[in-house]
């Protein structure tokens, strides 16, 4: 049970109540899951992307690949320890949230779970 319920994010009503795991606003009917401490969502509502060890990633960061990756059409693949410079964070498909260019491979998308901030 939450002691101090947050106001409604849509209509700012103070009369919210708890229903199971949700917080509900009786005035506008909005339902949401309250943010827990250490949650991955920023207070502005933007998505925070973290690397394999929990560091927050930003556009332009340099990352290191922590696990060998197979690349379709290339027999060698990407080796663990490969540095990737100047990443861009995107809303990709199937969890691929990093857009980058890797020397010898070209442009591709990576999952944040296979990289570590350098």
N, C-alpha and C. Protein backbone atom coordinates (compact mmCIF):
# COMPACT_ATOMS: atom_id res chain seq x y z
N UNK A 1 0.84 -1.18 0.00
CA UNK A 1 0.00 0.00 0.00
C UNK A 1 0.88 1.25 0.00
N UNK A 2 0.55 2.19 -0.81
CA UNK A 2 1.29 3.43 -0.94
C UNK A 2 0.73 4.44 0.05
N UNK A 3 1.61 5.03 0.87
CA UNK A 3 1.14 5.99 1.88
C UNK A 3 0.67 7.29 1.25
N UNK A 4 1.52 7.92 0.45
CA UNK A 4 1.18 9.19 -0.20
C UNK A 4 0.93 8.91 -1.67
N UNK A 5 -0.32 8.86 -2.06
CA UNK A 5 -0.66 8.61 -3.45
C UNK A 5 -0.37 9.83 -4.29
N UNK A 6 0.22 9.63 -5.48
CA UNK A 6 0.52 10.78 -6.35
C UNK A 6 -0.75 11.34 -6.97
N UNK A 7 -0.73 12.62 -7.36
CA UNK A 7 -1.89 13.18 -8.06
C UNK A 7 -1.97 12.60 -9.47
N UNK A 8 -3.13 12.71 -10.07
CA UNK A 8 -3.35 12.19 -11.41
C UNK A 8 -2.46 12.92 -12.42
N UNK A 9 -1.71 12.18 -13.27
CA UNK A 9 -0.85 12.84 -14.26
C UNK A 9 -1.62 13.51 -15.39
N UNK A 10 -2.90 13.18 -15.57
CA UNK A 10 -3.67 13.78 -16.65
C UNK A 10 -4.43 15.02 -16.21
N UNK A 11 -5.13 14.93 -15.06
CA UNK A 11 -5.97 16.06 -14.64
C UNK A 11 -5.50 16.71 -13.34
N UNK A 12 -4.44 16.20 -12.73
CA UNK A 12 -3.84 16.71 -11.49
C UNK A 12 -4.77 16.64 -10.29
N UNK A 13 -5.73 15.76 -10.31
CA UNK A 13 -6.64 15.57 -9.18
C UNK A 13 -5.90 14.94 -8.00
N UNK A 14 -6.21 15.41 -6.81
CA UNK A 14 -5.58 14.88 -5.60
C UNK A 14 -6.33 13.67 -5.05
N UNK A 15 -7.49 13.36 -5.58
CA UNK A 15 -8.36 12.32 -5.02
C UNK A 15 -8.15 10.97 -5.68
N UNK A 16 -6.91 10.54 -5.81
CA UNK A 16 -6.60 9.25 -6.40
C UNK A 16 -6.70 8.17 -5.34
N UNK A 17 -6.94 6.94 -5.78
CA UNK A 17 -7.00 5.81 -4.86
C UNK A 17 -6.33 4.61 -5.49
N UNK A 18 -6.00 3.64 -4.64
CA UNK A 18 -5.28 2.45 -5.08
C UNK A 18 -6.26 1.32 -5.34
N UNK A 19 -6.08 0.63 -6.47
CA UNK A 19 -6.90 -0.53 -6.81
C UNK A 19 -5.96 -1.61 -7.33
N UNK A 20 -5.73 -2.64 -6.52
CA UNK A 20 -4.75 -3.69 -6.81
C UNK A 20 -3.38 -3.05 -7.03
N UNK A 21 -2.78 -3.20 -8.21
CA UNK A 21 -1.46 -2.62 -8.49
C UNK A 21 -1.55 -1.26 -9.17
N UNK A 22 -2.76 -0.77 -9.41
CA UNK A 22 -2.94 0.47 -10.14
C UNK A 22 -3.32 1.60 -9.20
N UNK A 23 -3.10 2.83 -9.66
CA UNK A 23 -3.63 4.02 -9.00
C UNK A 23 -4.68 4.57 -9.96
N UNK A 24 -5.85 4.93 -9.43
CA UNK A 24 -6.98 5.33 -10.25
C UNK A 24 -7.42 6.74 -9.87
N UNK A 25 -7.79 7.54 -10.87
CA UNK A 25 -8.35 8.87 -10.64
C UNK A 25 -9.86 8.79 -10.82
N UNK A 26 -10.64 9.13 -9.79
CA UNK A 26 -12.09 9.04 -9.91
C UNK A 26 -12.69 10.16 -10.77
N UNK A 27 -11.96 11.23 -10.97
CA UNK A 27 -12.51 12.35 -11.73
C UNK A 27 -12.42 12.15 -13.24
N UNK A 28 -11.27 11.67 -13.73
CA UNK A 28 -11.14 11.50 -15.19
C UNK A 28 -11.09 10.03 -15.60
N UNK A 29 -10.95 9.10 -14.63
CA UNK A 29 -10.95 7.67 -14.93
C UNK A 29 -9.60 7.12 -15.38
N UNK A 30 -8.55 7.94 -15.31
CA UNK A 30 -7.21 7.50 -15.72
C UNK A 30 -6.66 6.49 -14.73
N UNK A 31 -6.06 5.40 -15.26
CA UNK A 31 -5.43 4.38 -14.43
C UNK A 31 -3.97 4.26 -14.83
N UNK A 32 -3.07 4.10 -13.85
CA UNK A 32 -1.65 3.96 -14.16
C UNK A 32 -0.96 3.19 -13.05
N UNK A 33 0.22 2.66 -13.39
CA UNK A 33 1.06 1.95 -12.42
C UNK A 33 1.97 2.99 -11.81
N UNK A 34 1.97 3.14 -10.50
CA UNK A 34 2.83 4.15 -9.88
C UNK A 34 4.29 3.79 -10.07
N UNK A 35 5.13 4.81 -10.29
CA UNK A 35 6.57 4.60 -10.48
C UNK A 35 7.20 4.27 -9.14
N UNK A 36 7.96 3.17 -9.11
CA UNK A 36 8.67 2.78 -7.90
C UNK A 36 10.03 3.46 -7.87
N UNK A 37 10.65 3.53 -6.71
CA UNK A 37 11.99 4.11 -6.61
C UNK A 37 12.95 3.26 -7.43
N UNK A 38 13.80 3.93 -8.22
CA UNK A 38 14.76 3.22 -9.05
C UNK A 38 14.16 2.69 -10.33
N UNK A 39 12.96 3.15 -10.67
CA UNK A 39 12.30 2.71 -11.89
C UNK A 39 13.05 3.25 -13.09
N UNK A 40 12.90 2.61 -14.26
CA UNK A 40 13.64 3.02 -15.44
C UNK A 40 13.02 4.20 -16.17
N UNK A 41 11.90 4.70 -15.69
CA UNK A 41 11.28 5.86 -16.35
C UNK A 41 11.72 7.14 -15.67
N UNK A 42 12.04 8.13 -16.46
CA UNK A 42 12.42 9.45 -15.97
C UNK A 42 11.17 10.19 -15.56
N UNK A 43 11.29 11.23 -14.73
CA UNK A 43 10.11 11.97 -14.29
C UNK A 43 9.46 12.72 -15.43
N UNK A 44 10.16 12.94 -16.53
CA UNK A 44 9.58 13.62 -17.68
C UNK A 44 8.83 12.64 -18.58
N UNK A 45 8.87 11.36 -18.28
CA UNK A 45 8.17 10.36 -19.08
C UNK A 45 9.01 9.79 -20.20
N UNK A 46 10.25 10.24 -20.34
CA UNK A 46 11.12 9.71 -21.38
C UNK A 46 11.68 8.36 -20.95
N UNK A 47 11.93 7.51 -21.92
CA UNK A 47 12.47 6.18 -21.65
C UNK A 47 13.97 6.29 -21.39
N UNK A 48 14.44 5.63 -20.36
CA UNK A 48 15.87 5.63 -20.04
C UNK A 48 16.43 4.28 -20.49
N UNK A 49 17.48 4.32 -21.29
CA UNK A 49 18.09 3.09 -21.80
C UNK A 49 19.38 2.85 -21.04
N UNK A 50 19.51 1.63 -20.50
CA UNK A 50 20.69 1.27 -19.71
C UNK A 50 21.46 0.16 -20.41
N UNK A 51 22.79 0.13 -20.18
CA UNK A 51 23.62 -0.89 -20.79
C UNK A 51 23.55 -2.18 -19.96
N UNK A 52 24.41 -3.15 -20.29
CA UNK A 52 24.38 -4.47 -19.66
C UNK A 52 24.69 -4.42 -18.16
N UNK A 53 25.40 -3.41 -17.70
CA UNK A 53 25.75 -3.32 -16.28
C UNK A 53 24.96 -2.24 -15.54
N UNK A 54 24.02 -1.59 -16.21
CA UNK A 54 23.15 -0.63 -15.54
C UNK A 54 23.50 0.83 -15.70
N UNK A 55 24.51 1.16 -16.51
CA UNK A 55 24.85 2.57 -16.76
C UNK A 55 23.85 3.16 -17.75
N UNK A 56 23.44 4.40 -17.52
CA UNK A 56 22.50 5.08 -18.42
C UNK A 56 23.24 5.51 -19.68
N UNK A 57 22.66 5.20 -20.84
CA UNK A 57 23.26 5.55 -22.13
C UNK A 57 22.64 6.82 -22.68
N UNK A 58 23.44 7.61 -23.41
CA UNK A 58 22.99 8.84 -24.05
C UNK A 58 23.45 8.83 -25.50
N UNK A 59 22.82 9.67 -26.33
CA UNK A 59 23.26 9.83 -27.71
C UNK A 59 24.71 10.31 -27.73
N UNK A 60 25.53 9.76 -28.62
CA UNK A 60 26.91 10.18 -28.77
C UNK A 60 27.90 9.43 -27.89
N UNK A 61 27.42 8.54 -27.02
CA UNK A 61 28.33 7.78 -26.15
C UNK A 61 29.15 6.78 -26.96
N UNK A 62 30.24 6.35 -26.34
CA UNK A 62 31.05 5.27 -26.88
C UNK A 62 30.79 4.04 -26.03
N UNK A 63 30.52 2.90 -26.67
CA UNK A 63 30.22 1.67 -25.95
C UNK A 63 31.13 0.55 -26.44
N UNK A 64 31.24 -0.50 -25.64
CA UNK A 64 32.01 -1.68 -25.99
C UNK A 64 31.08 -2.88 -26.02
N UNK A 65 31.19 -3.70 -27.04
CA UNK A 65 30.37 -4.91 -27.16
C UNK A 65 30.90 -5.92 -26.14
N UNK A 66 30.01 -6.49 -25.30
CA UNK A 66 30.46 -7.39 -24.24
C UNK A 66 30.30 -8.86 -24.60
N UNK A 67 29.68 -9.14 -25.73
CA UNK A 67 29.44 -10.53 -26.10
C UNK A 67 29.59 -10.66 -27.61
N UNK A 68 30.18 -11.75 -28.06
CA UNK A 68 30.35 -11.98 -29.50
C UNK A 68 28.98 -12.09 -30.17
N UNK A 69 28.82 -11.39 -31.30
CA UNK A 69 27.54 -11.36 -32.01
C UNK A 69 27.69 -11.91 -33.41
N UNK A 70 26.77 -12.75 -33.82
CA UNK A 70 26.76 -13.25 -35.18
C UNK A 70 26.10 -12.21 -36.06
N UNK A 71 26.67 -12.00 -37.25
CA UNK A 71 26.11 -11.06 -38.22
C UNK A 71 25.78 -11.83 -39.48
N UNK A 72 24.53 -11.72 -39.90
CA UNK A 72 24.08 -12.43 -41.09
C UNK A 72 24.88 -11.97 -42.31
N UNK A 73 25.41 -12.90 -43.05
CA UNK A 73 26.18 -12.58 -44.26
C UNK A 73 27.65 -12.32 -44.01
N UNK A 74 28.09 -12.43 -42.75
CA UNK A 74 29.50 -12.21 -42.43
C UNK A 74 29.98 -13.39 -41.58
N UNK A 75 30.98 -14.12 -42.03
CA UNK A 75 31.40 -15.32 -41.31
C UNK A 75 32.04 -15.05 -39.95
N UNK A 76 32.66 -13.89 -39.76
CA UNK A 76 33.38 -13.66 -38.51
C UNK A 76 32.49 -13.07 -37.41
N UNK A 77 31.55 -12.22 -37.73
CA UNK A 77 30.71 -11.59 -36.72
C UNK A 77 31.43 -10.48 -35.98
N UNK A 78 30.78 -9.94 -34.96
CA UNK A 78 31.36 -8.87 -34.15
C UNK A 78 31.93 -9.49 -32.90
N UNK A 79 33.20 -9.25 -32.64
CA UNK A 79 33.87 -9.85 -31.49
C UNK A 79 33.60 -9.05 -30.22
N UNK A 80 33.64 -9.72 -29.09
CA UNK A 80 33.51 -9.04 -27.80
C UNK A 80 34.70 -8.10 -27.64
N UNK A 81 34.46 -6.90 -27.14
CA UNK A 81 35.51 -5.92 -26.96
C UNK A 81 35.58 -4.89 -28.07
N UNK A 82 34.74 -5.04 -29.10
CA UNK A 82 34.71 -4.08 -30.20
C UNK A 82 34.13 -2.76 -29.70
N UNK A 83 34.84 -1.65 -29.95
CA UNK A 83 34.34 -0.33 -29.54
C UNK A 83 33.45 0.25 -30.62
N UNK A 84 32.35 0.86 -30.19
CA UNK A 84 31.41 1.50 -31.09
C UNK A 84 31.29 2.94 -30.63
N UNK A 85 31.60 3.88 -31.51
CA UNK A 85 31.58 5.30 -31.17
C UNK A 85 30.33 5.97 -31.70
N UNK A 86 29.93 7.03 -31.02
CA UNK A 86 28.85 7.91 -31.47
C UNK A 86 27.54 7.16 -31.73
N UNK A 87 27.00 6.52 -30.69
CA UNK A 87 25.75 5.79 -30.83
C UNK A 87 24.56 6.76 -30.83
N UNK A 88 23.45 6.30 -31.40
CA UNK A 88 22.18 7.04 -31.36
C UNK A 88 21.14 6.11 -30.75
N UNK A 89 20.37 6.61 -29.80
CA UNK A 89 19.32 5.83 -29.16
C UNK A 89 18.04 5.98 -29.96
N UNK A 90 17.42 4.85 -30.29
CA UNK A 90 16.21 4.84 -31.11
C UNK A 90 15.19 3.89 -30.49
N UNK A 91 13.95 3.98 -30.95
CA UNK A 91 12.92 3.00 -30.60
C UNK A 91 12.92 1.97 -31.71
N UNK A 92 13.76 0.97 -31.57
CA UNK A 92 13.94 -0.02 -32.62
C UNK A 92 12.98 -1.19 -32.50
N UNK A 93 13.18 -2.17 -33.35
CA UNK A 93 12.35 -3.36 -33.40
C UNK A 93 13.01 -4.47 -32.59
N UNK A 94 12.23 -5.25 -31.88
CA UNK A 94 12.71 -6.40 -31.09
C UNK A 94 13.78 -6.03 -30.08
N UNK A 95 13.69 -4.87 -29.46
CA UNK A 95 14.63 -4.48 -28.42
C UNK A 95 15.93 -3.89 -28.92
N UNK A 96 16.08 -3.71 -30.21
CA UNK A 96 17.27 -3.09 -30.77
C UNK A 96 17.12 -1.58 -30.61
N UNK A 97 17.73 -1.04 -29.57
CA UNK A 97 17.51 0.37 -29.24
C UNK A 97 18.74 1.25 -29.45
N UNK A 98 19.78 0.72 -30.07
CA UNK A 98 20.98 1.50 -30.38
C UNK A 98 21.23 1.44 -31.89
N UNK A 99 21.33 2.61 -32.51
CA UNK A 99 21.65 2.71 -33.93
C UNK A 99 23.10 3.18 -34.01
N UNK A 100 23.93 2.46 -34.78
CA UNK A 100 25.35 2.80 -34.80
C UNK A 100 25.99 2.38 -36.11
N UNK A 101 27.26 2.74 -36.26
CA UNK A 101 28.07 2.32 -37.40
C UNK A 101 29.31 1.64 -36.83
N UNK A 102 29.54 0.39 -37.26
CA UNK A 102 30.68 -0.39 -36.77
C UNK A 102 31.67 -0.55 -37.92
N UNK A 103 32.93 -0.22 -37.64
CA UNK A 103 33.98 -0.34 -38.65
C UNK A 103 34.05 -1.77 -39.17
N UNK A 104 34.03 -1.93 -40.48
CA UNK A 104 34.10 -3.23 -41.10
C UNK A 104 32.75 -3.89 -41.32
N UNK A 105 31.69 -3.36 -40.69
CA UNK A 105 30.35 -3.95 -40.81
C UNK A 105 29.34 -2.96 -41.37
N UNK A 106 29.51 -1.68 -41.08
CA UNK A 106 28.57 -0.67 -41.55
C UNK A 106 27.51 -0.34 -40.52
N UNK A 107 26.41 0.24 -40.99
CA UNK A 107 25.34 0.67 -40.09
C UNK A 107 24.53 -0.53 -39.63
N UNK A 108 24.21 -0.55 -38.35
CA UNK A 108 23.39 -1.62 -37.80
C UNK A 108 22.77 -1.18 -36.48
N UNK A 109 21.87 -2.00 -35.98
CA UNK A 109 21.23 -1.74 -34.70
C UNK A 109 21.65 -2.81 -33.71
N UNK A 110 21.87 -2.39 -32.45
CA UNK A 110 22.27 -3.29 -31.38
C UNK A 110 21.28 -3.21 -30.23
N UNK A 111 21.27 -4.23 -29.41
CA UNK A 111 20.49 -4.19 -28.17
C UNK A 111 21.39 -3.61 -27.07
N UNK A 112 20.79 -2.84 -26.19
CA UNK A 112 21.57 -2.25 -25.11
C UNK A 112 22.07 -3.31 -24.12
N UNK A 113 21.47 -4.49 -24.13
CA UNK A 113 21.87 -5.54 -23.20
C UNK A 113 23.19 -6.21 -23.60
N UNK A 114 23.73 -5.90 -24.79
CA UNK A 114 24.99 -6.52 -25.21
C UNK A 114 26.13 -5.53 -25.29
N UNK A 115 25.93 -4.31 -24.74
CA UNK A 115 27.00 -3.30 -24.76
C UNK A 115 27.24 -2.76 -23.35
N UNK A 116 28.44 -2.20 -23.16
CA UNK A 116 28.82 -1.59 -21.90
C UNK A 116 29.39 -0.22 -22.21
N UNK A 117 29.01 0.78 -21.44
CA UNK A 117 29.50 2.14 -21.65
C UNK A 117 31.01 2.15 -21.44
N UNK A 118 31.74 2.76 -22.40
CA UNK A 118 33.20 2.77 -22.32
C UNK A 118 33.71 3.96 -21.52
